[in-house]
Amino acid sequence: MIKRNDEMKTEVRPKMRGGSGEARFTYLMNAGEVPHARLFSTITLDPGSSIGEHTHTGEVEYYWILQGEGIVTESDGEKIVKEGDLVITGGGASHAIRNEGSEPLRFLALIILE
């Protein structure tokens, strides 16, 4: 199976989870198309945009950074993430991500149900 780019749904979410700016989603697969997952998407945050703090209970979220640099907030503080880094959040933990850089921050987001 090949899913063409023009078949993928896109969505812009302003102030996602209390963040700033907007998050642009490209859904690689729609909800229900990937077993045991509720999200499989790329997310782009332009400079100054963020996704506010949110918790993952009963699921694990993975952010694989594809482009740019961002700041992830976890329970033990803030960490800089850049291309190639993988952020893993689950087990009731919370996180947030923001782009304070000068270029777009783009990452693959996958949420797997536990």
N, C-alpha and C. Protein backbone atom coordinates (compact mmCIF):
# COMPACT_ATOMS: atom_id res chain seq x y z
N MET A 1 0.84 -1.18 0.00
CA MET A 1 0.00 0.00 0.00
C MET A 1 0.89 1.24 0.00
N ILE A 2 0.48 2.21 -0.76
CA ILE A 2 1.15 3.51 -0.76
C ILE A 2 0.07 4.56 -0.53
N LYS A 3 0.30 5.41 0.42
CA LYS A 3 -0.62 6.52 0.67
C LYS A 3 0.06 7.78 0.18
N ARG A 4 -0.51 8.40 -0.79
CA ARG A 4 0.08 9.59 -1.41
C ARG A 4 -0.11 10.82 -0.54
N ASN A 5 0.84 11.73 -0.64
CA ASN A 5 0.80 12.96 0.14
C ASN A 5 -0.53 13.69 -0.01
N ASP A 6 -1.08 13.74 -1.21
CA ASP A 6 -2.33 14.46 -1.42
C ASP A 6 -3.55 13.74 -0.84
N GLU A 7 -3.34 12.53 -0.31
CA GLU A 7 -4.41 11.79 0.37
C GLU A 7 -4.40 12.02 1.88
N MET A 8 -3.38 12.69 2.36
CA MET A 8 -3.23 12.89 3.81
C MET A 8 -3.95 14.15 4.25
N LYS A 9 -4.73 14.01 5.29
CA LYS A 9 -5.47 15.14 5.85
C LYS A 9 -4.51 16.07 6.58
N THR A 10 -4.73 17.36 6.44
CA THR A 10 -3.96 18.35 7.19
C THR A 10 -4.91 19.15 8.06
N GLU A 11 -4.38 19.69 9.14
CA GLU A 11 -5.18 20.45 10.08
C GLU A 11 -4.28 21.45 10.80
N VAL A 12 -4.80 22.62 11.05
CA VAL A 12 -4.09 23.63 11.84
C VAL A 12 -4.85 23.79 13.15
N ARG A 13 -4.13 23.66 14.25
CA ARG A 13 -4.74 23.79 15.59
C ARG A 13 -4.11 25.00 16.28
N PRO A 14 -4.88 26.07 16.46
CA PRO A 14 -4.35 27.23 17.18
C PRO A 14 -4.27 26.97 18.68
N LYS A 15 -3.23 27.53 19.31
CA LYS A 15 -3.06 27.48 20.77
C LYS A 15 -3.29 26.06 21.33
N MET A 16 -2.64 25.09 20.72
CA MET A 16 -2.84 23.69 21.09
C MET A 16 -2.47 23.44 22.54
N ARG A 17 -3.40 22.87 23.25
CA ARG A 17 -3.24 22.53 24.67
C ARG A 17 -2.75 23.72 25.49
N GLY A 18 -3.23 24.90 25.13
CA GLY A 18 -2.87 26.11 25.85
C GLY A 18 -1.55 26.72 25.40
N GLY A 19 -0.99 26.20 24.33
CA GLY A 19 0.26 26.74 23.81
C GLY A 19 0.05 28.03 23.04
N SER A 20 1.08 28.46 22.35
CA SER A 20 1.00 29.70 21.58
C SER A 20 1.10 29.40 20.09
N GLY A 21 0.67 30.35 19.27
CA GLY A 21 0.74 30.17 17.82
C GLY A 21 -0.14 29.03 17.38
N GLU A 22 0.35 28.28 16.38
CA GLU A 22 -0.45 27.17 15.88
C GLU A 22 0.44 25.97 15.58
N ALA A 23 -0.18 24.80 15.66
CA ALA A 23 0.46 23.54 15.33
C ALA A 23 -0.17 23.04 14.04
N ARG A 24 0.67 22.74 13.03
CA ARG A 24 0.17 22.23 11.75
C ARG A 24 0.41 20.72 11.69
N PHE A 25 -0.68 19.98 11.53
CA PHE A 25 -0.64 18.52 11.49
C PHE A 25 -0.78 18.04 10.06
N THR A 26 -0.03 17.03 9.70
CA THR A 26 -0.26 16.24 8.50
C THR A 26 -0.44 14.81 8.99
N TYR A 27 -1.66 14.29 8.88
CA TYR A 27 -1.98 12.96 9.39
C TYR A 27 -1.49 11.92 8.38
N LEU A 28 -0.43 11.20 8.73
CA LEU A 28 0.11 10.17 7.85
C LEU A 28 -0.89 9.02 7.72
N MET A 29 -1.56 8.70 8.80
CA MET A 29 -2.65 7.73 8.83
C MET A 29 -3.74 8.34 9.70
N ASN A 30 -4.98 8.03 9.40
CA ASN A 30 -6.10 8.53 10.19
C ASN A 30 -6.29 7.67 11.44
N ALA A 31 -6.96 8.24 12.43
CA ALA A 31 -7.25 7.50 13.66
C ALA A 31 -7.95 6.19 13.29
N GLY A 32 -7.52 5.10 13.91
CA GLY A 32 -8.10 3.79 13.65
C GLY A 32 -7.43 3.02 12.53
N GLU A 33 -6.59 3.66 11.73
CA GLU A 33 -5.90 2.96 10.64
C GLU A 33 -4.62 2.26 11.11
N VAL A 34 -4.09 2.67 12.25
CA VAL A 34 -2.89 2.05 12.80
C VAL A 34 -3.31 1.34 14.09
N PRO A 35 -3.21 0.01 14.13
CA PRO A 35 -3.63 -0.71 15.34
C PRO A 35 -2.91 -0.20 16.59
N HIS A 36 -3.67 -0.02 17.66
CA HIS A 36 -3.14 0.37 18.97
C HIS A 36 -2.56 1.77 18.99
N ALA A 37 -2.89 2.60 18.01
CA ALA A 37 -2.39 3.97 17.97
C ALA A 37 -3.55 4.93 17.78
N ARG A 38 -3.42 6.13 18.35
CA ARG A 38 -4.46 7.13 18.13
C ARG A 38 -3.95 8.35 17.37
N LEU A 39 -2.62 8.40 17.12
CA LEU A 39 -2.07 9.50 16.33
C LEU A 39 -0.80 9.03 15.63
N PHE A 40 -0.71 9.34 14.34
CA PHE A 40 0.50 9.10 13.54
C PHE A 40 0.54 10.25 12.56
N SER A 41 1.37 11.27 12.87
CA SER A 41 1.31 12.54 12.17
C SER A 41 2.66 13.23 12.21
N THR A 42 2.87 14.16 11.29
CA THR A 42 3.94 15.13 11.49
C THR A 42 3.29 16.38 12.04
N ILE A 43 4.03 17.09 12.87
CA ILE A 43 3.57 18.35 13.45
C ILE A 43 4.65 19.39 13.18
N THR A 44 4.23 20.55 12.72
CA THR A 44 5.16 21.65 12.49
C THR A 44 4.79 22.82 13.39
N LEU A 45 5.79 23.33 14.10
CA LEU A 45 5.64 24.52 14.93
C LEU A 45 6.54 25.60 14.35
N ASP A 46 5.96 26.71 13.92
CA ASP A 46 6.75 27.83 13.44
C ASP A 46 7.42 28.51 14.63
N PRO A 47 8.44 29.34 14.39
CA PRO A 47 9.08 30.07 15.49
C PRO A 47 8.03 30.79 16.35
N GLY A 48 8.16 30.65 17.65
CA GLY A 48 7.23 31.27 18.59
C GLY A 48 6.02 30.43 18.92
N SER A 49 5.84 29.30 18.26
CA SER A 49 4.68 28.43 18.51
C SER A 49 5.04 27.32 19.49
N SER A 50 4.01 26.80 20.16
CA SER A 50 4.24 25.74 21.14
C SER A 50 3.00 24.88 21.30
N ILE A 51 3.21 23.70 21.90
CA ILE A 51 2.13 22.84 22.37
C ILE A 51 2.25 22.85 23.88
N GLY A 52 1.17 23.23 24.56
CA GLY A 52 1.20 23.36 26.00
C GLY A 52 1.32 22.03 26.71
N GLU A 53 1.58 22.10 28.01
CA GLU A 53 1.78 20.90 28.81
C GLU A 53 0.53 20.03 28.81
N HIS A 54 0.75 18.73 28.64
CA HIS A 54 -0.34 17.75 28.66
C HIS A 54 0.21 16.42 29.16
N THR A 55 -0.68 15.58 29.67
CA THR A 55 -0.32 14.32 30.31
C THR A 55 -0.70 13.13 29.43
N HIS A 56 0.10 12.07 29.51
CA HIS A 56 -0.17 10.84 28.77
C HIS A 56 -0.37 9.69 29.74
N THR A 57 -1.63 9.34 29.97
CA THR A 57 -2.00 8.23 30.83
C THR A 57 -2.62 7.15 29.96
N GLY A 58 -2.14 5.93 30.10
CA GLY A 58 -2.66 4.83 29.30
C GLY A 58 -2.17 4.84 27.86
N GLU A 59 -1.14 5.63 27.60
CA GLU A 59 -0.57 5.74 26.25
C GLU A 59 0.86 6.27 26.35
N VAL A 60 1.59 6.14 25.26
CA VAL A 60 2.95 6.67 25.17
C VAL A 60 3.02 7.51 23.90
N GLU A 61 3.57 8.71 24.03
CA GLU A 61 3.75 9.57 22.86
C GLU A 61 5.24 9.67 22.54
N TYR A 62 5.53 9.54 21.26
CA TYR A 62 6.89 9.66 20.74
C TYR A 62 6.95 10.87 19.84
N TYR A 63 7.94 11.72 20.04
CA TYR A 63 8.25 12.82 19.12
C TYR A 63 9.64 12.53 18.55
N TRP A 64 9.72 12.34 17.25
CA TRP A 64 11.03 12.18 16.59
C TRP A 64 11.28 13.46 15.82
N ILE A 65 12.29 14.20 16.22
CA ILE A 65 12.56 15.51 15.65
C ILE A 65 13.16 15.35 14.25
N LEU A 66 12.48 15.93 13.26
CA LEU A 66 12.89 15.81 11.86
C LEU A 66 13.63 17.05 11.37
N GLN A 67 13.29 18.20 11.93
CA GLN A 67 13.87 19.46 11.46
C GLN A 67 13.79 20.49 12.57
N GLY A 68 14.83 21.31 12.69
CA GLY A 68 14.82 22.42 13.64
C GLY A 68 15.27 22.02 15.02
N GLU A 69 15.00 22.93 15.94
CA GLU A 69 15.39 22.76 17.34
C GLU A 69 14.25 23.27 18.21
N GLY A 70 14.02 22.59 19.33
CA GLY A 70 12.95 23.00 20.23
C GLY A 70 13.35 22.79 21.67
N ILE A 71 12.43 23.17 22.55
CA ILE A 71 12.63 22.99 23.99
C ILE A 71 11.46 22.16 24.50
N VAL A 72 11.79 21.02 25.10
CA VAL A 72 10.80 20.13 25.69
C VAL A 72 10.85 20.33 27.20
N THR A 73 9.68 20.48 27.79
CA THR A 73 9.56 20.58 29.24
C THR A 73 9.02 19.26 29.76
N GLU A 74 9.76 18.65 30.69
CA GLU A 74 9.35 17.42 31.36
C GLU A 74 9.39 17.66 32.87
N SER A 75 9.05 16.65 33.64
CA SER A 75 8.99 16.83 35.10
C SER A 75 10.34 17.24 35.69
N ASP A 76 11.43 16.86 35.03
CA ASP A 76 12.75 17.20 35.58
C ASP A 76 13.37 18.43 34.91
N GLY A 77 12.57 19.23 34.22
CA GLY A 77 13.07 20.48 33.67
C GLY A 77 12.98 20.57 32.15
N GLU A 78 13.67 21.57 31.62
CA GLU A 78 13.65 21.83 30.19
C GLU A 78 14.89 21.24 29.53
N LYS A 79 14.68 20.73 28.30
CA LYS A 79 15.78 20.14 27.54
C LYS A 79 15.68 20.61 26.10
N ILE A 80 16.82 20.90 25.50
CA ILE A 80 16.86 21.25 24.07
C ILE A 80 16.84 19.96 23.27
N VAL A 81 16.00 19.94 22.22
CA VAL A 81 15.94 18.80 21.31
C VAL A 81 16.21 19.31 19.90
N LYS A 82 16.83 18.45 19.09
CA LYS A 82 17.18 18.84 17.72
C LYS A 82 17.02 17.63 16.81
N GLU A 83 17.23 17.85 15.53
CA GLU A 83 17.06 16.82 14.52
C GLU A 83 17.70 15.49 14.93
N GLY A 84 16.90 14.43 14.84
CA GLY A 84 17.36 13.09 15.19
C GLY A 84 17.04 12.65 16.60
N ASP A 85 16.70 13.59 17.49
CA ASP A 85 16.37 13.24 18.87
C ASP A 85 14.98 12.62 18.95
N LEU A 86 14.78 11.74 19.95
CA LEU A 86 13.50 11.09 20.19
C LEU A 86 13.04 11.40 21.60
N VAL A 87 11.85 11.96 21.73
CA VAL A 87 11.24 12.27 23.03
C VAL A 87 10.19 11.21 23.29
N ILE A 88 10.21 10.60 24.48
CA ILE A 88 9.27 9.53 24.84
C ILE A 88 8.57 9.94 26.13
N THR A 89 7.23 10.00 26.08
CA THR A 89 6.45 10.42 27.25
C THR A 89 5.28 9.47 27.44
N GLY A 90 5.18 8.86 28.61
CA GLY A 90 4.08 7.95 28.91
C GLY A 90 4.01 7.69 30.40
N GLY A 91 3.18 6.72 30.79
CA GLY A 91 3.09 6.32 32.20
C GLY A 91 2.58 7.42 33.10
N GLY A 92 1.71 8.29 32.58
CA GLY A 92 1.16 9.37 33.39
C GLY A 92 2.02 10.62 33.45
N ALA A 93 3.13 10.62 32.74
CA ALA A 93 4.01 11.80 32.72
C ALA A 93 3.44 12.86 31.79
N SER A 94 3.91 14.08 31.95
CA SER A 94 3.46 15.18 31.10
C SER A 94 4.66 15.82 30.42
N HIS A 95 4.36 16.56 29.34
CA HIS A 95 5.40 17.27 28.61
C HIS A 95 4.78 18.42 27.83
N ALA A 96 5.64 19.29 27.36
CA ALA A 96 5.27 20.40 26.47
C ALA A 96 6.45 20.59 25.52
N ILE A 97 6.19 21.26 24.39
CA ILE A 97 7.27 21.53 23.44
C ILE A 97 7.05 22.91 22.84
N ARG A 98 8.16 23.63 22.62
CA ARG A 98 8.05 24.96 22.03
C ARG A 98 9.22 25.22 21.09
N ASN A 99 8.97 26.11 20.14
CA ASN A 99 9.99 26.49 19.17
C ASN A 99 10.40 27.92 19.44
N GLU A 100 11.60 28.10 19.96
CA GLU A 100 12.15 29.43 20.17
C GLU A 100 13.22 29.75 19.14
N GLY A 101 13.37 28.86 18.13
CA GLY A 101 14.38 29.03 17.11
C GLY A 101 13.91 29.96 15.99
N SER A 102 14.71 30.02 14.94
CA SER A 102 14.42 30.90 13.80
C SER A 102 13.88 30.15 12.59
N GLU A 103 13.79 28.81 12.68
CA GLU A 103 13.24 28.02 11.59
C GLU A 103 12.14 27.10 12.12
N PRO A 104 11.31 26.57 11.25
CA PRO A 104 10.24 25.67 11.72
C PRO A 104 10.82 24.46 12.45
N LEU A 105 10.08 24.01 13.44
CA LEU A 105 10.37 22.77 14.16
C LEU A 105 9.36 21.75 13.66
N ARG A 106 9.86 20.66 13.06
CA ARG A 106 8.97 19.64 12.51
C ARG A 106 9.34 18.30 13.12
N PHE A 107 8.32 17.55 13.57
CA PHE A 107 8.58 16.25 14.19
C PHE A 107 7.46 15.27 13.88
N LEU A 108 7.83 13.99 13.91
CA LEU A 108 6.87 12.92 13.77
C LEU A 108 6.29 12.67 15.15
N ALA A 109 4.97 12.59 15.24
CA ALA A 109 4.31 12.31 16.51
C ALA A 109 3.53 11.01 16.38
N LEU A 110 3.77 10.09 17.30
CA LEU A 110 3.09 8.81 17.31
C LEU A 110 2.61 8.55 18.73
N ILE A 111 1.32 8.30 18.88
CA ILE A 111 0.77 7.96 20.20
C ILE A 111 0.27 6.53 20.14
N ILE A 112 0.88 5.68 20.98
CA ILE A 112 0.54 4.27 21.08
C ILE A 112 -0.24 4.04 22.38
N LEU A 113 -1.34 3.31 22.30
CA LEU A 113 -2.13 3.00 23.47
C LEU A 113 -1.48 1.86 24.23
N GLU A 114 -1.43 1.99 25.56
CA GLU A 114 -0.81 0.93 26.38
C GLU A 114 -1.79 -0.19 26.64
